[in-house]
Amino acid sequence: GLVQPGGSLRLSCAAPRSIFSIYAMG
């Protein structure tokens, strides 16, 4: 989204369990 300088945001990323359990995420 749009945020002013100095502000905060949180991004999320959901993955299939078969991937998430063994892969590095970035």
mmCIF file of all heavy atoms, coordinates in Angstrom:
data_MODEL
# 
_entry.id   MODEL 
# 
loop_
_atom_site.group_PDB 
_atom_site.id 
_atom_site.type_symbol 
_atom_site.label_atom_id 
_atom_site.label_alt_id 
_atom_site.label_comp_id 
_atom_site.label_asym_id 
_atom_site.label_entity_id 
_atom_site.label_seq_id 
_atom_site.pdbx_PDB_ins_code 
_atom_site.Cartn_x 
_atom_site.Cartn_y 
_atom_site.Cartn_z 
_atom_site.occupancy 
_atom_site.B_iso_or_equiv 
_atom_site.pdbx_formal_charge 
_atom_site.auth_seq_id 
_atom_site.auth_comp_id 
_atom_site.auth_asym_id 
_atom_site.auth_atom_id 
_atom_site.pdbx_PDB_model_num 
ATOM 1   N N   . GLY A 1 1  ? 0.804  -1.208  0.000  1.00 0.00 ? 1  GLY A N   1 
ATOM 2   C CA  . GLY A 1 1  ? 0.000  0.000   0.000  1.00 0.00 ? 1  GLY A CA  1 
ATOM 3   C C   . GLY A 1 1  ? 0.838  1.260   0.000  1.00 0.00 ? 1  GLY A C   1 
ATOM 4   O O   . GLY A 1 1  ? 2.052  1.214   -0.241 1.00 0.00 ? 1  GLY A O   1 
ATOM 5   N N   . LEU A 1 2  ? 0.174  2.362   0.298  1.00 0.00 ? 2  LEU A N   1 
ATOM 6   C CA  . LEU A 1 2  ? 0.813  3.680   0.345  1.00 0.00 ? 2  LEU A CA  1 
ATOM 7   C C   . LEU A 1 2  ? 1.036  4.074   1.798  1.00 0.00 ? 2  LEU A C   1 
ATOM 8   O O   . LEU A 1 2  ? 0.107  3.974   2.620  1.00 0.00 ? 2  LEU A O   1 
ATOM 9   C CB  . LEU A 1 2  ? -0.072 4.711   -0.353 1.00 0.00 ? 2  LEU A CB  1 
ATOM 10  C CG  . LEU A 1 2  ? 0.358  6.179   -0.245 1.00 0.00 ? 2  LEU A CG  1 
ATOM 11  C CD1 . LEU A 1 2  ? 1.694  6.404   -0.941 1.00 0.00 ? 2  LEU A CD1 1 
ATOM 12  C CD2 . LEU A 1 2  ? -0.726 7.085   -0.828 1.00 0.00 ? 2  LEU A CD2 1 
ATOM 13  N N   . VAL A 1 3  ? 2.226  4.510   2.120  1.00 0.00 ? 3  VAL A N   1 
ATOM 14  C CA  . VAL A 1 3  ? 2.547  4.915   3.482  1.00 0.00 ? 3  VAL A CA  1 
ATOM 15  C C   . VAL A 1 3  ? 3.472  6.121   3.440  1.00 0.00 ? 3  VAL A C   1 
ATOM 16  O O   . VAL A 1 3  ? 4.249  6.282   2.477  1.00 0.00 ? 3  VAL A O   1 
ATOM 17  C CB  . VAL A 1 3  ? 3.192  3.739   4.253  1.00 0.00 ? 3  VAL A CB  1 
ATOM 18  C CG1 . VAL A 1 3  ? 4.524  3.349   3.639  1.00 0.00 ? 3  VAL A CG1 1 
ATOM 19  C CG2 . VAL A 1 3  ? 3.335  4.048   5.727  1.00 0.00 ? 3  VAL A CG2 1 
ATOM 20  N N   . GLN A 1 4  ? 3.384  6.946   4.444  1.00 0.00 ? 4  GLN A N   1 
ATOM 21  C CA  . GLN A 1 4  ? 4.253  8.121   4.517  1.00 0.00 ? 4  GLN A CA  1 
ATOM 22  C C   . GLN A 1 4  ? 5.649  7.725   4.999  1.00 0.00 ? 4  GLN A C   1 
ATOM 23  O O   . GLN A 1 4  ? 5.809  6.706   5.694  1.00 0.00 ? 4  GLN A O   1 
ATOM 24  C CB  . GLN A 1 4  ? 3.662  9.150   5.472  1.00 0.00 ? 4  GLN A CB  1 
ATOM 25  C CG  . GLN A 1 4  ? 2.386  9.798   4.968  1.00 0.00 ? 4  GLN A CG  1 
ATOM 26  C CD  . GLN A 1 4  ? 1.917  10.928  5.867  1.00 0.00 ? 4  GLN A CD  1 
ATOM 27  O OE1 . GLN A 1 4  ? 2.305  11.013  7.027  1.00 0.00 ? 4  GLN A OE1 1 
ATOM 28  N NE2 . GLN A 1 4  ? 1.074  11.793  5.339  1.00 0.00 ? 4  GLN A NE2 1 
ATOM 29  N N   . PRO A 1 5  ? 6.635  8.522   4.646  1.00 0.00 ? 5  PRO A N   1 
ATOM 30  C CA  . PRO A 1 5  ? 7.999  8.249   5.175  1.00 0.00 ? 5  PRO A CA  1 
ATOM 31  C C   . PRO A 1 5  ? 7.988  8.164   6.694  1.00 0.00 ? 5  PRO A C   1 
ATOM 32  O O   . PRO A 1 5  ? 7.328  8.960   7.366  1.00 0.00 ? 5  PRO A O   1 
ATOM 33  C CB  . PRO A 1 5  ? 8.800  9.455   4.682  1.00 0.00 ? 5  PRO A CB  1 
ATOM 34  C CG  . PRO A 1 5  ? 8.091  9.895   3.441  1.00 0.00 ? 5  PRO A CG  1 
ATOM 35  C CD  . PRO A 1 5  ? 6.636  9.655   3.702  1.00 0.00 ? 5  PRO A CD  1 
ATOM 36  N N   . GLY A 1 6  ? 8.709  7.170   7.201  1.00 0.00 ? 6  GLY A N   1 
ATOM 37  C CA  . GLY A 1 6  ? 8.732  6.934   8.635  1.00 0.00 ? 6  GLY A CA  1 
ATOM 38  C C   . GLY A 1 6  ? 7.667  5.972   9.111  1.00 0.00 ? 6  GLY A C   1 
ATOM 39  O O   . GLY A 1 6  ? 7.692  5.533   10.271 1.00 0.00 ? 6  GLY A O   1 
ATOM 40  N N   . GLY A 1 7  ? 6.739  5.628   8.244  1.00 0.00 ? 7  GLY A N   1 
ATOM 41  C CA  . GLY A 1 7  ? 5.652  4.733   8.600  1.00 0.00 ? 7  GLY A CA  1 
ATOM 42  C C   . GLY A 1 7  ? 6.032  3.268   8.519  1.00 0.00 ? 7  GLY A C   1 
ATOM 43  O O   . GLY A 1 7  ? 7.190  2.914   8.256  1.00 0.00 ? 7  GLY A O   1 
ATOM 44  N N   . SER A 1 8  ? 5.031  2.421   8.749  1.00 0.00 ? 8  SER A N   1 
ATOM 45  C CA  . SER A 1 8  ? 5.241  0.975   8.784  1.00 0.00 ? 8  SER A CA  1 
ATOM 46  C C   . SER A 1 8  ? 4.215  0.256   7.929  1.00 0.00 ? 8  SER A C   1 
ATOM 47  O O   . SER A 1 8  ? 3.086  0.743   7.745  1.00 0.00 ? 8  SER A O   1 
ATOM 48  C CB  . SER A 1 8  ? 5.133  0.466   10.226 1.00 0.00 ? 8  SER A CB  1 
ATOM 49  O OG  . SER A 1 8  ? 6.124  1.023   11.060 1.00 0.00 ? 8  SER A OG  1 
ATOM 50  N N   . LEU A 1 9  ? 4.609  -0.898  7.443  1.00 0.00 ? 9  LEU A N   1 
ATOM 51  C CA  . LEU A 1 9  ? 3.721  -1.818  6.736  1.00 0.00 ? 9  LEU A CA  1 
ATOM 52  C C   . LEU A 1 9  ? 4.143  -3.235  7.077  1.00 0.00 ? 9  LEU A C   1 
ATOM 53  O O   . LEU A 1 9  ? 5.320  -3.473  7.361  1.00 0.00 ? 9  LEU A O   1 
ATOM 54  C CB  . LEU A 1 9  ? 3.797  -1.629  5.225  1.00 0.00 ? 9  LEU A CB  1 
ATOM 55  C CG  . LEU A 1 9  ? 3.033  -0.486  4.559  1.00 0.00 ? 9  LEU A CG  1 
ATOM 56  C CD1 . LEU A 1 9  ? 3.362  -0.461  3.063  1.00 0.00 ? 9  LEU A CD1 1 
ATOM 57  C CD2 . LEU A 1 9  ? 1.547  -0.617  4.770  1.00 0.00 ? 9  LEU A CD2 1 
ATOM 58  N N   . ARG A 1 10 ? 3.196  -4.141  6.998  1.00 0.00 ? 10 ARG A N   1 
ATOM 59  C CA  . ARG A 1 10 ? 3.528  -5.559  7.134  1.00 0.00 ? 10 ARG A CA  1 
ATOM 60  C C   . ARG A 1 10 ? 2.994  -6.319  5.932  1.00 0.00 ? 10 ARG A C   1 
ATOM 61  O O   . ARG A 1 10 ? 1.807  -6.260  5.617  1.00 0.00 ? 10 ARG A O   1 
ATOM 62  C CB  . ARG A 1 10 ? 2.948  -6.162  8.417  1.00 0.00 ? 10 ARG A CB  1 
ATOM 63  C CG  . ARG A 1 10 ? 3.467  -7.571  8.677  1.00 0.00 ? 10 ARG A CG  1 
ATOM 64  C CD  . ARG A 1 10 ? 2.986  -8.167  9.976  1.00 0.00 ? 10 ARG A CD  1 
ATOM 65  N NE  . ARG A 1 10 ? 1.629  -8.696  9.886  1.00 0.00 ? 10 ARG A NE  1 
ATOM 66  C CZ  . ARG A 1 10 ? 1.154  -9.651  10.672 1.00 0.00 ? 10 ARG A CZ  1 
ATOM 67  N NH1 . ARG A 1 10 ? 1.926  -10.168 11.616 1.00 0.00 ? 10 ARG A NH1 1 
ATOM 68  N NH2 . ARG A 1 10 ? -0.090 -10.069 10.532 1.00 0.00 ? 10 ARG A NH2 1 
ATOM 69  N N   . LEU A 1 11 ? 3.901  -7.037  5.278  1.00 0.00 ? 11 LEU A N   1 
ATOM 70  C CA  . LEU A 1 11 ? 3.532  -7.890  4.162  1.00 0.00 ? 11 LEU A CA  1 
ATOM 71  C C   . LEU A 1 11 ? 3.398  -9.326  4.641  1.00 0.00 ? 11 LEU A C   1 
ATOM 72  O O   . LEU A 1 11 ? 4.119  -9.758  5.547  1.00 0.00 ? 11 LEU A O   1 
ATOM 73  C CB  . LEU A 1 11 ? 4.597  -7.818  3.063  1.00 0.00 ? 11 LEU A CB  1 
ATOM 74  C CG  . LEU A 1 11 ? 4.957  -6.432  2.537  1.00 0.00 ? 11 LEU A CG  1 
ATOM 75  C CD1 . LEU A 1 11 ? 5.982  -6.569  1.404  1.00 0.00 ? 11 LEU A CD1 1 
ATOM 76  C CD2 . LEU A 1 11 ? 3.756  -5.660  2.095  1.00 0.00 ? 11 LEU A CD2 1 
ATOM 77  N N   . SER A 1 12 ? 2.489  -10.054 4.006  1.00 0.00 ? 12 SER A N   1 
ATOM 78  C CA  . SER A 1 12 ? 2.291  -11.472 4.317  1.00 0.00 ? 12 SER A CA  1 
ATOM 79  C C   . SER A 1 12 ? 2.377  -12.288 3.037  1.00 0.00 ? 12 SER A C   1 
ATOM 80  O O   . SER A 1 12 ? 2.038  -11.799 1.956  1.00 0.00 ? 12 SER A O   1 
ATOM 81  C CB  . SER A 1 12 ? 0.920  -11.698 4.955  1.00 0.00 ? 12 SER A CB  1 
ATOM 82  O OG  . SER A 1 12 ? 0.769  -10.943 6.129  1.00 0.00 ? 12 SER A OG  1 
ATOM 83  N N   . CYS A 1 13 ? 2.809  -13.525 3.187  1.00 0.00 ? 13 CYS A N   1 
ATOM 84  C CA  . CYS A 1 13 ? 2.891  -14.435 2.042  1.00 0.00 ? 13 CYS A CA  1 
ATOM 85  C C   . CYS A 1 13 ? 2.550  -15.834 2.525  1.00 0.00 ? 13 CYS A C   1 
ATOM 86  O O   . CYS A 1 13 ? 3.272  -16.402 3.348  1.00 0.00 ? 13 CYS A O   1 
ATOM 87  C CB  . CYS A 1 13 ? 4.285  -14.397 1.438  1.00 0.00 ? 13 CYS A CB  1 
ATOM 88  S SG  . CYS A 1 13 ? 4.567  -15.637 0.160  1.00 0.00 ? 13 CYS A SG  1 
ATOM 89  N N   . ALA A 1 14 ? 1.470  -16.375 1.995  1.00 0.00 ? 14 ALA A N   1 
ATOM 90  C CA  . ALA A 1 14 ? 1.040  -17.726 2.344  1.00 0.00 ? 14 ALA A CA  1 
ATOM 91  C C   . ALA A 1 14 ? 1.479  -18.694 1.261  1.00 0.00 ? 14 ALA A C   1 
ATOM 92  O O   . ALA A 1 14 ? 1.356  -18.404 0.067  1.00 0.00 ? 14 ALA A O   1 
ATOM 93  C CB  . ALA A 1 14 ? -0.476 -17.768 2.518  1.00 0.00 ? 14 ALA A CB  1 
ATOM 94  N N   . ALA A 1 15 ? 1.996  -19.834 1.699  1.00 0.00 ? 15 ALA A N   1 
ATOM 95  C CA  . ALA A 1 15 ? 2.498  -20.840 0.774  1.00 0.00 ? 15 ALA A CA  1 
ATOM 96  C C   . ALA A 1 15 ? 1.881  -22.197 1.100  1.00 0.00 ? 15 ALA A C   1 
ATOM 97  O O   . ALA A 1 15 ? 1.431  -22.426 2.219  1.00 0.00 ? 15 ALA A O   1 
ATOM 98  C CB  . ALA A 1 15 ? 4.028  -20.928 0.879  1.00 0.00 ? 15 ALA A CB  1 
ATOM 99  N N   . PRO A 1 16 ? 1.873  -23.125 0.127  1.00 0.00 ? 16 PRO A N   1 
ATOM 100 C CA  . PRO A 1 16 ? 1.411  -24.485 0.426  1.00 0.00 ? 16 PRO A CA  1 
ATOM 101 C C   . PRO A 1 16 ? 2.304  -25.122 1.493  1.00 0.00 ? 16 PRO A C   1 
ATOM 102 O O   . PRO A 1 16 ? 3.514  -24.885 1.519  1.00 0.00 ? 16 PRO A O   1 
ATOM 103 C CB  . PRO A 1 16 ? 1.545  -25.204 -0.915 1.00 0.00 ? 16 PRO A CB  1 
ATOM 104 C CG  . PRO A 1 16 ? 1.557  -24.123 -1.936 1.00 0.00 ? 16 PRO A CG  1 
ATOM 105 C CD  . PRO A 1 16 ? 2.223  -22.959 -1.286 1.00 0.00 ? 16 PRO A CD  1 
ATOM 106 N N   . ARG A 1 17 ? 1.715  -25.938 2.339  1.00 0.00 ? 17 ARG A N   1 
ATOM 107 C CA  . ARG A 1 17 ? 2.468  -26.557 3.425  1.00 0.00 ? 17 ARG A CA  1 
ATOM 108 C C   . ARG A 1 17 ? 3.668  -27.355 2.918  1.00 0.00 ? 17 ARG A C   1 
ATOM 109 O O   . ARG A 1 17 ? 4.744  -27.333 3.512  1.00 0.00 ? 17 ARG A O   1 
ATOM 110 C CB  . ARG A 1 17 ? 1.556  -27.470 4.247  1.00 0.00 ? 17 ARG A CB  1 
ATOM 111 C CG  . ARG A 1 17 ? 2.256  -28.189 5.380  1.00 0.00 ? 17 ARG A CG  1 
ATOM 112 C CD  . ARG A 1 17 ? 1.300  -29.063 6.159  1.00 0.00 ? 17 ARG A CD  1 
ATOM 113 N NE  . ARG A 1 17 ? 0.299  -28.271 6.852  1.00 0.00 ? 17 ARG A NE  1 
ATOM 114 C CZ  . ARG A 1 17 ? 0.487  -27.730 8.052  1.00 0.00 ? 17 ARG A CZ  1 
ATOM 115 N NH1 . ARG A 1 17 ? 1.642  -27.880 8.680  1.00 0.00 ? 17 ARG A NH1 1 
ATOM 116 N NH2 . ARG A 1 17 ? -0.468 -27.047 8.624  1.00 0.00 ? 17 ARG A NH2 1 
ATOM 117 N N   . SER A 1 18 ? 3.493  -28.033 1.793  1.00 0.00 ? 18 SER A N   1 
ATOM 118 C CA  . SER A 1 18 ? 4.568  -28.870 1.247  1.00 0.00 ? 18 SER A CA  1 
ATOM 119 C C   . SER A 1 18 ? 5.783  -28.042 0.879  1.00 0.00 ? 18 SER A C   1 
ATOM 120 O O   . SER A 1 18 ? 6.912  -28.529 0.893  1.00 0.00 ? 18 SER A O   1 
ATOM 121 C CB  . SER A 1 18 ? 4.066  -29.643 0.027  1.00 0.00 ? 18 SER A CB  1 
ATOM 122 O OG  . SER A 1 18 ? 3.624  -28.740 -0.969 1.00 0.00 ? 18 SER A OG  1 
ATOM 123 N N   . ILE A 1 19 ? 5.555  -26.808 0.500  1.00 0.00 ? 19 ILE A N   1 
ATOM 124 C CA  . ILE A 1 19 ? 6.643  -25.893 0.156  1.00 0.00 ? 19 ILE A CA  1 
ATOM 125 C C   . ILE A 1 19 ? 7.187  -25.230 1.411  1.00 0.00 ? 19 ILE A C   1 
ATOM 126 O O   . ILE A 1 19 ? 8.398  -25.193 1.659  1.00 0.00 ? 19 ILE A O   1 
ATOM 127 C CB  . ILE A 1 19 ? 6.164  -24.822 -0.842 1.00 0.00 ? 19 ILE A CB  1 
ATOM 128 C CG1 . ILE A 1 19 ? 5.770  -25.461 -2.154 1.00 0.00 ? 19 ILE A CG1 1 
ATOM 129 C CG2 . ILE A 1 19 ? 7.228  -23.740 -1.032 1.00 0.00 ? 19 ILE A CG2 1 
ATOM 130 C CD1 . ILE A 1 19 ? 6.931  -26.124 -2.888 1.00 0.00 ? 19 ILE A CD1 1 
ATOM 131 N N   . PHE A 1 20 ? 6.284  -24.701 2.202  1.00 0.00 ? 20 PHE A N   1 
ATOM 132 C CA  . PHE A 1 20 ? 6.679  -23.875 3.334  1.00 0.00 ? 20 PHE A CA  1 
ATOM 133 C C   . PHE A 1 20 ? 7.545  -24.627 4.338  1.00 0.00 ? 20 PHE A C   1 
ATOM 134 O O   . PHE A 1 20 ? 8.469  -24.063 4.923  1.00 0.00 ? 20 PHE A O   1 
ATOM 135 C CB  . PHE A 1 20 ? 5.426  -23.333 4.029  1.00 0.00 ? 20 PHE A CB  1 
ATOM 136 C CG  . PHE A 1 20 ? 5.716  -22.271 5.042  1.00 0.00 ? 20 PHE A CG  1 
ATOM 137 C CD1 . PHE A 1 20 ? 5.867  -20.948 4.654  1.00 0.00 ? 20 PHE A CD1 1 
ATOM 138 C CD2 . PHE A 1 20 ? 5.852  -22.592 6.391  1.00 0.00 ? 20 PHE A CD2 1 
ATOM 139 C CE1 . PHE A 1 20 ? 6.148  -19.961 5.588  1.00 0.00 ? 20 PHE A CE1 1 
ATOM 140 C CE2 . PHE A 1 20 ? 6.124  -21.622 7.328  1.00 0.00 ? 20 PHE A CE2 1 
ATOM 141 C CZ  . PHE A 1 20 ? 6.276  -20.300 6.921  1.00 0.00 ? 20 PHE A CZ  1 
ATOM 142 N N   . SER A 1 21 ? 7.258  -25.908 4.516  1.00 0.00 ? 21 SER A N   1 
ATOM 143 C CA  . SER A 1 21 ? 7.941  -26.658 5.576  1.00 0.00 ? 21 SER A CA  1 
ATOM 144 C C   . SER A 1 21 ? 9.414  -26.909 5.278  1.00 0.00 ? 21 SER A C   1 
ATOM 145 O O   . SER A 1 21 ? 10.192 -27.143 6.200  1.00 0.00 ? 21 SER A O   1 
ATOM 146 C CB  . SER A 1 21 ? 7.229  -27.988 5.813  1.00 0.00 ? 21 SER A CB  1 
ATOM 147 O OG  . SER A 1 21 ? 7.250  -28.773 4.638  1.00 0.00 ? 21 SER A OG  1 
ATOM 148 N N   . ILE A 1 22 ? 9.806  -26.865 4.022  1.00 0.00 ? 22 ILE A N   1 
ATOM 149 C CA  . ILE A 1 22 ? 11.199 -27.205 3.698  1.00 0.00 ? 22 ILE A CA  1 
ATOM 150 C C   . ILE A 1 22 ? 11.954 -26.146 2.917  1.00 0.00 ? 22 ILE A C   1 
ATOM 151 O O   . ILE A 1 22 ? 13.173 -26.189 2.828  1.00 0.00 ? 22 ILE A O   1 
ATOM 152 C CB  . ILE A 1 22 ? 11.289 -28.542 2.937  1.00 0.00 ? 22 ILE A CB  1 
ATOM 153 C CG1 . ILE A 1 22 ? 10.475 -28.475 1.637  1.00 0.00 ? 22 ILE A CG1 1 
ATOM 154 C CG2 . ILE A 1 22 ? 10.825 -29.699 3.807  1.00 0.00 ? 22 ILE A CG2 1 
ATOM 155 C CD1 . ILE A 1 22 ? 10.627 -29.726 0.781  1.00 0.00 ? 22 ILE A CD1 1 
ATOM 156 N N   . TYR A 1 23 ? 11.241 -25.195 2.329  1.00 0.00 ? 23 TYR A N   1 
ATOM 157 C CA  . TYR A 1 23 ? 11.897 -24.179 1.520  1.00 0.00 ? 23 TYR A CA  1 
ATOM 158 C C   . TYR A 1 23 ? 12.320 -22.985 2.361  1.00 0.00 ? 23 TYR A C   1 
ATOM 159 O O   . TYR A 1 23 ? 11.655 -22.639 3.356  1.00 0.00 ? 23 TYR A O   1 
ATOM 160 C CB  . TYR A 1 23 ? 10.963 -23.678 0.419  1.00 0.00 ? 23 TYR A CB  1 
ATOM 161 C CG  . TYR A 1 23 ? 10.906 -24.550 -0.801 1.00 0.00 ? 23 TYR A CG  1 
ATOM 162 C CD1 . TYR A 1 23 ? 10.662 -25.911 -0.714 1.00 0.00 ? 23 TYR A CD1 1 
ATOM 163 C CD2 . TYR A 1 23 ? 11.101 -23.999 -2.058 1.00 0.00 ? 23 TYR A CD2 1 
ATOM 164 C CE1 . TYR A 1 23 ? 10.617 -26.701 -1.841 1.00 0.00 ? 23 TYR A CE1 1 
ATOM 165 C CE2 . TYR A 1 23 ? 11.048 -24.779 -3.202 1.00 0.00 ? 23 TYR A CE2 1 
ATOM 166 C CZ  . TYR A 1 23 ? 10.802 -26.127 -3.087 1.00 0.00 ? 23 TYR A CZ  1 
ATOM 167 O OH  . TYR A 1 23 ? 10.757 -26.899 -4.202 1.00 0.00 ? 23 TYR A OH  1 
ATOM 168 N N   . ALA A 1 24 ? 13.404 -22.361 1.920  1.00 0.00 ? 24 ALA A N   1 
ATOM 169 C CA  . ALA A 1 24 ? 13.716 -21.041 2.444  1.00 0.00 ? 24 ALA A CA  1 
ATOM 170 C C   . ALA A 1 24 ? 12.744 -20.042 1.822  1.00 0.00 ? 24 ALA A C   1 
ATOM 171 O O   . ALA A 1 24 ? 12.412 -20.144 0.643  1.00 0.00 ? 24 ALA A O   1 
ATOM 172 C CB  . ALA A 1 24 ? 15.144 -20.646 2.103  1.00 0.00 ? 24 ALA A CB  1 
ATOM 173 N N   . MET A 1 25 ? 12.289 -19.088 2.613  1.00 0.00 ? 25 MET A N   1 
ATOM 174 C CA  . MET A 1 25 ? 11.359 -18.077 2.137  1.00 0.00 ? 25 MET A CA  1 
ATOM 175 C C   . MET A 1 25 ? 12.049 -16.721 2.143  1.00 0.00 ? 25 MET A C   1 
ATOM 176 O O   . MET A 1 25 ? 12.864 -16.423 3.018  1.00 0.00 ? 25 MET A O   1 
ATOM 177 C CB  . MET A 1 25 ? 10.124 -18.026 3.032  1.00 0.00 ? 25 MET A CB  1 
ATOM 178 C CG  . MET A 1 25 ? 9.371  -19.335 3.149  1.00 0.00 ? 25 MET A CG  1 
ATOM 179 S SD  . MET A 1 25 ? 8.662  -19.883 1.580  1.00 0.00 ? 25 MET A SD  1 
ATOM 180 C CE  . MET A 1 25 ? 7.473  -18.563 1.254  1.00 0.00 ? 25 MET A CE  1 
ATOM 181 N N   . GLY A 1 26 ? 11.707 -15.900 1.173  1.00 0.00 ? 26 GLY A N   1 
ATOM 182 C CA  . GLY A 1 26 ? 12.360 -14.602 1.110  1.00 0.00 ? 26 GLY A CA  1 
ATOM 183 C C   . GLY A 1 26 ? 11.473 -13.543 0.483  1.00 0.00 ? 26 GLY A C   1 
ATOM 184 O O   . GLY A 1 26 ? 10.405 -13.842 -0.061 1.00 0.00 ? 26 GLY A O   1 
# 
